[in-house]
Amino acid sequence: MNRQIRIATAALAASLLAACASTAPSPRATSASPAMSTAKEGAVNLSAASGSLVSGALVLRPMGDGVHITGEVGGLKPGDVRGFHIHERGDCSAADASTAGGHFNPGAQPHGRASQGAHHAGDSDNLVADGKGVARVDAHVRGVTLGGGAANDIAGRAIIVHAAADDYTTQPTGNAGARVACGVIRILR
């Protein structure tokens, strides 16, 4: 009787292994295709953080090799130069916006200047305020998508305006100081 149970168990195990082997995905099905934006447009309403008066509105659109961000940030001093980054979490609930986490960095790169060399996916060049304390945003963030859920998707993440200029070298933040405005990237269409 024991011999029959062992034979039946071995036959069952062999059939299960054969079934697993026959349902395994083909190599083509498991290879990742390049991530692409699925949304056509996103928006961010920046709200003051850390006791500042900084706020703004931004529009995001997939373009070429990334996402283009336009809009305005107000409540700055004339001539202010401020760090401007995409952060890893879409949570602006803390008074100092610390709940947004660090810079968005799915590629594990060092912090740097977006227009030169290695940098976080969420790094962007500094904003500069005009004589009325308004910074006009016209930034292109390469290597990210808007929508689709890929590792480089920025939908649902936060955009932060910092209290100081990004020096583009200090790790991991660019020494840009406190977070003075925060807003979550939401898909419009």
C-alpha atoms as a PDB file:
ATOM      1  CA  MET A   1       0.000   0.000   0.000  1.00  0.00           C
ATOM      2  CA  ASN A   2       2.820   2.401   0.857  1.00  0.00           C
ATOM      3  CA  ARG A   3       4.382   1.690  -2.512  1.00  0.00           C
ATOM      4  CA  GLN A   4       1.136   2.647  -4.298  1.00  0.00           C
ATOM      5  CA  ILE A   5       0.905   5.951  -2.368  1.00  0.00           C
ATOM      6  CA  ARG A   6       4.520   6.790  -3.259  1.00  0.00           C
ATOM      7  CA  ILE A   7       3.908   6.033  -6.924  1.00  0.00           C
ATOM      8  CA  ALA A   8       0.688   8.110  -6.932  1.00  0.00           C
ATOM      9  CA  THR A   9       2.469  11.006  -5.181  1.00  0.00           C
ATOM     10  CA  ALA A  10       5.360  10.886  -7.655  1.00  0.00           C
ATOM     11  CA  ALA A  11       2.928  10.835 -10.597  1.00  0.00           C
ATOM     12  CA  LEU A  12       1.028  13.826  -9.175  1.00  0.00           C
ATOM     13  CA  ALA A  13       4.257  15.783  -8.629  1.00  0.00           C
ATOM     14  CA  ALA A  14       5.435  15.030 -12.168  1.00  0.00           C
ATOM     15  CA  SER A  15       2.132  16.186 -13.650  1.00  0.00           C
ATOM     16  CA  LEU A  16       2.202  19.408 -11.609  1.00  0.00           C
ATOM     17  CA  LEU A  17       5.755  20.157 -12.754  1.00  0.00           C
ATOM     18  CA  ALA A  18       4.775  19.499 -16.353  1.00  0.00           C
ATOM     19  CA  ALA A  19       1.785  21.812 -16.009  1.00  0.00           C
ATOM     20  CA  CYS A  20       3.955  24.586 -14.587  1.00  0.00           C
ATOM     21  CA  ALA A  21       6.464  24.203 -17.392  1.00  0.00           C
ATOM     22  CA  SER A  22       3.776  24.375 -20.054  1.00  0.00           C
ATOM     23  CA  THR A  23       2.196  27.559 -18.666  1.00  0.00           C
ATOM     24  CA  ALA A  24       5.393  29.542 -18.162  1.00  0.00           C
ATOM     25  CA  PRO A  25       5.368  32.813 -20.107  1.00  0.00           C
ATOM     26  CA  SER A  26       7.459  33.023 -23.201  1.00  0.00           C
ATOM     27  CA  PRO A  27      10.649  35.124 -23.022  1.00  0.00           C
ATOM     28  CA  ARG A  28       8.980  37.714 -25.250  1.00  0.00           C
ATOM     29  CA  ALA A  29       6.041  38.106 -22.864  1.00  0.00           C
ATOM     30  CA  THR A  30       8.339  38.844 -19.920  1.00  0.00           C
ATOM     31  CA  SER A  31      10.562  41.412 -21.610  1.00  0.00           C
ATOM     32  CA  ALA A  32       9.646  44.942 -20.614  1.00  0.00           C
ATOM     33  CA  SER A  33       8.689  47.347 -23.331  1.00  0.00           C
ATOM     34  CA  PRO A  34       9.761  50.990 -23.024  1.00  0.00           C
ATOM     35  CA  ALA A  35       7.577  52.996 -20.649  1.00  0.00           C
ATOM     36  CA  MET A  36       5.363  55.574 -22.317  1.00  0.00           C
ATOM     37  CA  SER A  37       3.019  58.222 -20.956  1.00  0.00           C
ATOM     38  CA  THR A  38      -0.623  57.216 -21.036  1.00  0.00           C
ATOM     39  CA  ALA A  39      -1.968  60.626 -19.971  1.00  0.00           C
ATOM     40  CA  LYS A  40      -2.150  63.661 -22.208  1.00  0.00           C
ATOM     41  CA  GLU A  41      -2.155  66.308 -19.480  1.00  0.00           C
ATOM     42  CA  GLY A  42      -1.627  66.726 -15.758  1.00  0.00           C
ATOM     43  CA  ALA A  43      -1.813  69.604 -13.300  1.00  0.00           C
ATOM     44  CA  VAL A  44      -0.387  70.676  -9.957  1.00  0.00           C
ATOM     45  CA  ASN A  45      -1.770  73.252  -7.546  1.00  0.00           C
ATOM     46  CA  LEU A  46       1.135  74.309  -5.358  1.00  0.00           C
ATOM     47  CA  SER A  47       0.172  75.273  -1.808  1.00  0.00           C
ATOM     48  CA  ALA A  48       2.304  77.071   0.755  1.00  0.00           C
ATOM     49  CA  ALA A  49       4.379  74.984   3.166  1.00  0.00           C
ATOM     50  CA  SER A  50       6.707  75.760   6.079  1.00  0.00           C
ATOM     51  CA  GLY A  51       4.876  79.016   6.832  1.00  0.00           C
ATOM     52  CA  SER A  52       5.620  80.587   3.436  1.00  0.00           C
ATOM     53  CA  LEU A  53       3.321  82.472   1.088  1.00  0.00           C
ATOM     54  CA  VAL A  54       4.556  80.600  -2.000  1.00  0.00           C
ATOM     55  CA  SER A  55       1.905  79.060  -4.255  1.00  0.00           C
ATOM     56  CA  GLY A  56       1.314  78.381  -7.923  1.00  0.00           C
ATOM     57  CA  ALA A  57      -0.282  76.391 -10.694  1.00  0.00           C
ATOM     58  CA  LEU A  58       1.468  74.101 -13.165  1.00  0.00           C
ATOM     59  CA  VAL A  59       0.466  72.132 -16.268  1.00  0.00           C
ATOM     60  CA  LEU A  60       2.312  68.967 -17.299  1.00  0.00           C
ATOM     61  CA  ARG A  61       2.288  67.445 -20.781  1.00  0.00           C
ATOM     62  CA  PRO A  62       4.214  64.470 -22.163  1.00  0.00           C
ATOM     63  CA  MET A  63       6.639  65.693 -24.804  1.00  0.00           C
ATOM     64  CA  GLY A  64       9.430  63.886 -26.631  1.00  0.00           C
ATOM     65  CA  ASP A  65      11.679  62.121 -24.141  1.00  0.00           C
ATOM     66  CA  GLY A  66       9.866  63.237 -20.982  1.00  0.00           C
ATOM     67  CA  VAL A  67       7.323  65.621 -19.506  1.00  0.00           C
ATOM     68  CA  HIS A  68       7.169  69.392 -20.031  1.00  0.00           C
ATOM     69  CA  ILE A  69       6.077  71.571 -17.098  1.00  0.00           C
ATOM     70  CA  THR A  70       4.754  75.115 -17.516  1.00  0.00           C
ATOM     71  CA  GLY A  71       3.050  77.558 -15.177  1.00  0.00           C
ATOM     72  CA  GLU A  72       3.717  80.186 -12.542  1.00  0.00           C
ATOM     73  CA  VAL A  73       4.902  80.242  -8.949  1.00  0.00           C
ATOM     74  CA  GLY A  74       4.184  83.393  -6.920  1.00  0.00           C
ATOM     75  CA  GLY A  75       4.867  84.693  -3.436  1.00  0.00           C
ATOM     76  CA  LEU A  76       8.612  84.859  -4.014  1.00  0.00           C
ATOM     77  CA  LYS A  77      10.902  87.844  -3.549  1.00  0.00           C
ATOM     78  CA  PRO A  78      12.036  89.640  -6.713  1.00  0.00           C
ATOM     79  CA  GLY A  79      15.084  87.864  -8.134  1.00  0.00           C
ATOM     80  CA  ASP A  80      14.718  84.800  -5.878  1.00  0.00           C
ATOM     81  CA  VAL A  81      16.381  81.627  -7.172  1.00  0.00           C
ATOM     82  CA  ARG A  82      14.694  78.490  -5.856  1.00  0.00           C
ATOM     83  CA  GLY A  83      15.150  74.736  -6.088  1.00  0.00           C
ATOM     84  CA  PHE A  84      12.338  72.964  -7.960  1.00  0.00           C
ATOM     85  CA  HIS A  85      12.009  69.157  -7.805  1.00  0.00           C
ATOM     86  CA  ILE A  86       9.658  66.233  -8.255  1.00  0.00           C
ATOM     87  CA  HIS A  87       9.540  64.247  -5.005  1.00  0.00           C
ATOM     88  CA  GLU A  88       8.858  60.550  -4.508  1.00  0.00           C
ATOM     89  CA  ARG A  89       5.502  60.672  -2.726  1.00  0.00           C
ATOM     90  CA  GLY A  90       2.345  62.596  -3.514  1.00  0.00           C
ATOM     91  CA  ASP A  91       1.764  63.598   0.092  1.00  0.00           C
ATOM     92  CA  CYS A  92       1.854  67.258   1.076  1.00  0.00           C
ATOM     93  CA  SER A  93       0.010  66.739   4.391  1.00  0.00           C
ATOM     94  CA  ALA A  94       2.861  67.736   6.735  1.00  0.00           C
ATOM     95  CA  ALA A  95       3.183  71.482   7.427  1.00  0.00           C
ATOM     96  CA  ASP A  96       6.777  71.327   6.134  1.00  0.00           C
ATOM     97  CA  ALA A  97       5.884  68.975   3.232  1.00  0.00           C
ATOM     98  CA  SER A  98       8.337  66.376   4.570  1.00  0.00           C
ATOM     99  CA  THR A  99       5.734  63.678   3.829  1.00  0.00           C
ATOM    100  CA  ALA A 100       6.583  64.064   0.119  1.00  0.00           C
ATOM    101  CA  GLY A 101       9.821  62.157   0.762  1.00  0.00           C
ATOM    102  CA  GLY A 102      13.058  62.690  -1.120  1.00  0.00           C
ATOM    103  CA  HIS A 103      13.673  63.551  -4.742  1.00  0.00           C
ATOM    104  CA  PHE A 104      12.084  61.121  -7.208  1.00  0.00           C
ATOM    105  CA  ASN A 105      14.978  58.847  -8.155  1.00  0.00           C
ATOM    106  CA  PRO A 106      13.925  55.502  -9.670  1.00  0.00           C
ATOM    107  CA  GLY A 107      17.297  55.105 -11.409  1.00  0.00           C
ATOM    108  CA  ALA A 108      19.338  55.487  -8.187  1.00  0.00           C
ATOM    109  CA  GLN A 109      21.406  58.331  -9.652  1.00  0.00           C
ATOM    110  CA  PRO A 110      23.304  61.010  -7.704  1.00  0.00           C
ATOM    111  CA  HIS A 111      21.711  64.431  -7.347  1.00  0.00           C
ATOM    112  CA  GLY A 112      22.744  66.871 -10.057  1.00  0.00           C
ATOM    113  CA  ARG A 113      21.662  69.416 -12.612  1.00  0.00           C
ATOM    114  CA  ALA A 114      18.930  68.203 -14.956  1.00  0.00           C
ATOM    115  CA  SER A 115      20.510  69.844 -17.968  1.00  0.00           C
ATOM    116  CA  GLN A 116      23.949  68.276 -17.373  1.00  0.00           C
ATOM    117  CA  GLY A 117      25.151  64.783 -16.541  1.00  0.00           C
ATOM    118  CA  ALA A 118      23.803  62.281 -14.029  1.00  0.00           C
ATOM    119  CA  HIS A 119      20.907  63.421 -11.853  1.00  0.00           C
ATOM    120  CA  HIS A 120      17.740  62.259 -10.110  1.00  0.00           C
ATOM    121  CA  ALA A 121      14.749  61.848 -12.426  1.00  0.00           C
ATOM    122  CA  GLY A 122      13.020  64.488 -10.274  1.00  0.00           C
ATOM    123  CA  ASP A 123      15.808  67.076 -10.515  1.00  0.00           C
ATOM    124  CA  SER A 124      15.053  70.257 -12.419  1.00  0.00           C
ATOM    125  CA  ASP A 125      16.901  73.509 -12.928  1.00  0.00           C
ATOM    126  CA  ASN A 126      16.249  76.345 -10.465  1.00  0.00           C
ATOM    127  CA  LEU A 127      13.328  78.727 -10.792  1.00  0.00           C
ATOM    128  CA  VAL A 128      14.091  82.459 -10.998  1.00  0.00           C
ATOM    129  CA  ALA A 129      11.538  85.045  -9.869  1.00  0.00           C
ATOM    130  CA  ASP A 130      10.958  88.204 -11.887  1.00  0.00           C
ATOM    131  CA  GLY A 131      10.742  91.744 -10.465  1.00  0.00           C
ATOM    132  CA  LYS A 132       7.250  91.021  -9.115  1.00  0.00           C
ATOM    133  CA  GLY A 133       8.266  87.835  -7.311  1.00  0.00           C
ATOM    134  CA  VAL A 134       6.750  85.483  -9.892  1.00  0.00           C
ATOM    135  CA  ALA A 135       8.706  82.599 -11.448  1.00  0.00           C
ATOM    136  CA  ARG A 136       7.524  81.457 -14.855  1.00  0.00           C
ATOM    137  CA  VAL A 137       8.074  77.719 -15.102  1.00  0.00           C
ATOM    138  CA  ASP A 138       9.167  76.267 -18.436  1.00  0.00           C
ATOM    139  CA  ALA A 139      10.959  73.030 -17.539  1.00  0.00           C
ATOM    140  CA  HIS A 140      11.458  69.763 -19.400  1.00  0.00           C
ATOM    141  CA  VAL A 141      12.023  66.681 -17.234  1.00  0.00           C
ATOM    142  CA  ARG A 142      13.667  63.939 -19.304  1.00  0.00           C
ATOM    143  CA  GLY A 143      13.277  60.231 -18.749  1.00  0.00           C
ATOM    144  CA  VAL A 144       9.935  60.340 -16.946  1.00  0.00           C
ATOM    145  CA  THR A 145       6.379  59.524 -17.999  1.00  0.00           C
ATOM    146  CA  LEU A 146       2.959  60.875 -17.078  1.00  0.00           C
ATOM    147  CA  GLY A 147       0.563  58.025 -16.315  1.00  0.00           C
ATOM    148  CA  GLY A 148       0.904  54.343 -17.066  1.00  0.00           C
ATOM    149  CA  GLY A 149       2.348  53.191 -13.756  1.00  0.00           C
ATOM    150  CA  ALA A 150       5.921  52.529 -14.914  1.00  0.00           C
ATOM    151  CA  ALA A 151       8.798  52.969 -12.462  1.00  0.00           C
ATOM    152  CA  ASN A 152       9.489  56.400 -13.995  1.00  0.00           C
ATOM    153  CA  ASP A 153       5.832  57.586 -13.867  1.00  0.00           C
ATOM    154  CA  ILE A 154       5.459  60.919 -12.050  1.00  0.00           C
ATOM    155  CA  ALA A 155       1.641  60.910 -11.803  1.00  0.00           C
ATOM    156  CA  GLY A 156       0.608  61.053  -8.148  1.00  0.00           C
ATOM    157  CA  ARG A 157       4.004  62.326  -6.991  1.00  0.00           C
ATOM    158  CA  ALA A 158       4.676  65.784  -5.522  1.00  0.00           C
ATOM    159  CA  ILE A 159       6.369  68.865  -6.909  1.00  0.00           C
ATOM    160  CA  ILE A 160       8.241  70.948  -4.347  1.00  0.00           C
ATOM    161  CA  VAL A 161       9.551  74.523  -4.444  1.00  0.00           C
ATOM    162  CA  HIS A 162      12.416  75.005  -1.987  1.00  0.00           C
ATOM    163  CA  ALA A 163      13.511  78.000   0.110  1.00  0.00           C
ATOM    164  CA  ALA A 164      16.936  78.333  -1.543  1.00  0.00           C
ATOM    165  CA  ALA A 165      18.707  77.698  -4.820  1.00  0.00           C
ATOM    166  CA  ASP A 166      19.824  74.166  -5.674  1.00  0.00           C
ATOM    167  CA  ASP A 167      23.638  74.064  -5.849  1.00  0.00           C
ATOM    168  CA  TYR A 168      23.390  70.925  -8.063  1.00  0.00           C
ATOM    169  CA  THR A 169      26.215  69.189  -6.186  1.00  0.00           C
ATOM    170  CA  THR A 170      25.388  68.630  -2.493  1.00  0.00           C
ATOM    171  CA  GLN A 171      24.049  65.085  -1.996  1.00  0.00           C
ATOM    172  CA  PRO A 172      21.256  64.157  -1.940  1.00  0.00           C
ATOM    173  CA  THR A 173      19.306  67.444  -2.028  1.00  0.00           C
ATOM    174  CA  GLY A 174      21.385  70.178  -3.615  1.00  0.00           C
ATOM    175  CA  ASN A 175      21.290  72.120  -0.318  1.00  0.00           C
ATOM    176  CA  ALA A 176      18.046  73.775  -1.472  1.00  0.00           C
ATOM    177  CA  GLY A 177      16.667  74.217   2.032  1.00  0.00           C
ATOM    178  CA  ALA A 178      13.144  74.021   3.390  1.00  0.00           C
ATOM    179  CA  ARG A 179      10.130  73.069   1.305  1.00  0.00           C
ATOM    180  CA  VAL A 180       8.067  76.225   0.825  1.00  0.00           C
ATOM    181  CA  ALA A 181       5.388  74.936  -1.588  1.00  0.00           C
ATOM    182  CA  CYS A 182       4.051  71.478  -2.381  1.00  0.00           C
ATOM    183  CA  GLY A 183       1.485  70.076  -4.802  1.00  0.00           C
ATOM    184  CA  VAL A 184       0.497  66.642  -6.072  1.00  0.00           C
ATOM    185  CA  ILE A 185       0.653  65.797  -9.790  1.00  0.00           C
ATOM    186  CA  ARG A 186      -2.822  64.756 -10.873  1.00  0.00           C
ATOM    187  CA  ILE A 187      -3.971  63.512 -14.268  1.00  0.00           C
ATOM    188  CA  LEU A 188      -6.492  65.731 -16.065  1.00  0.00           C
ATOM    189  CA  ARG A 189      -6.868  63.690 -19.240  1.00  0.00           C
END
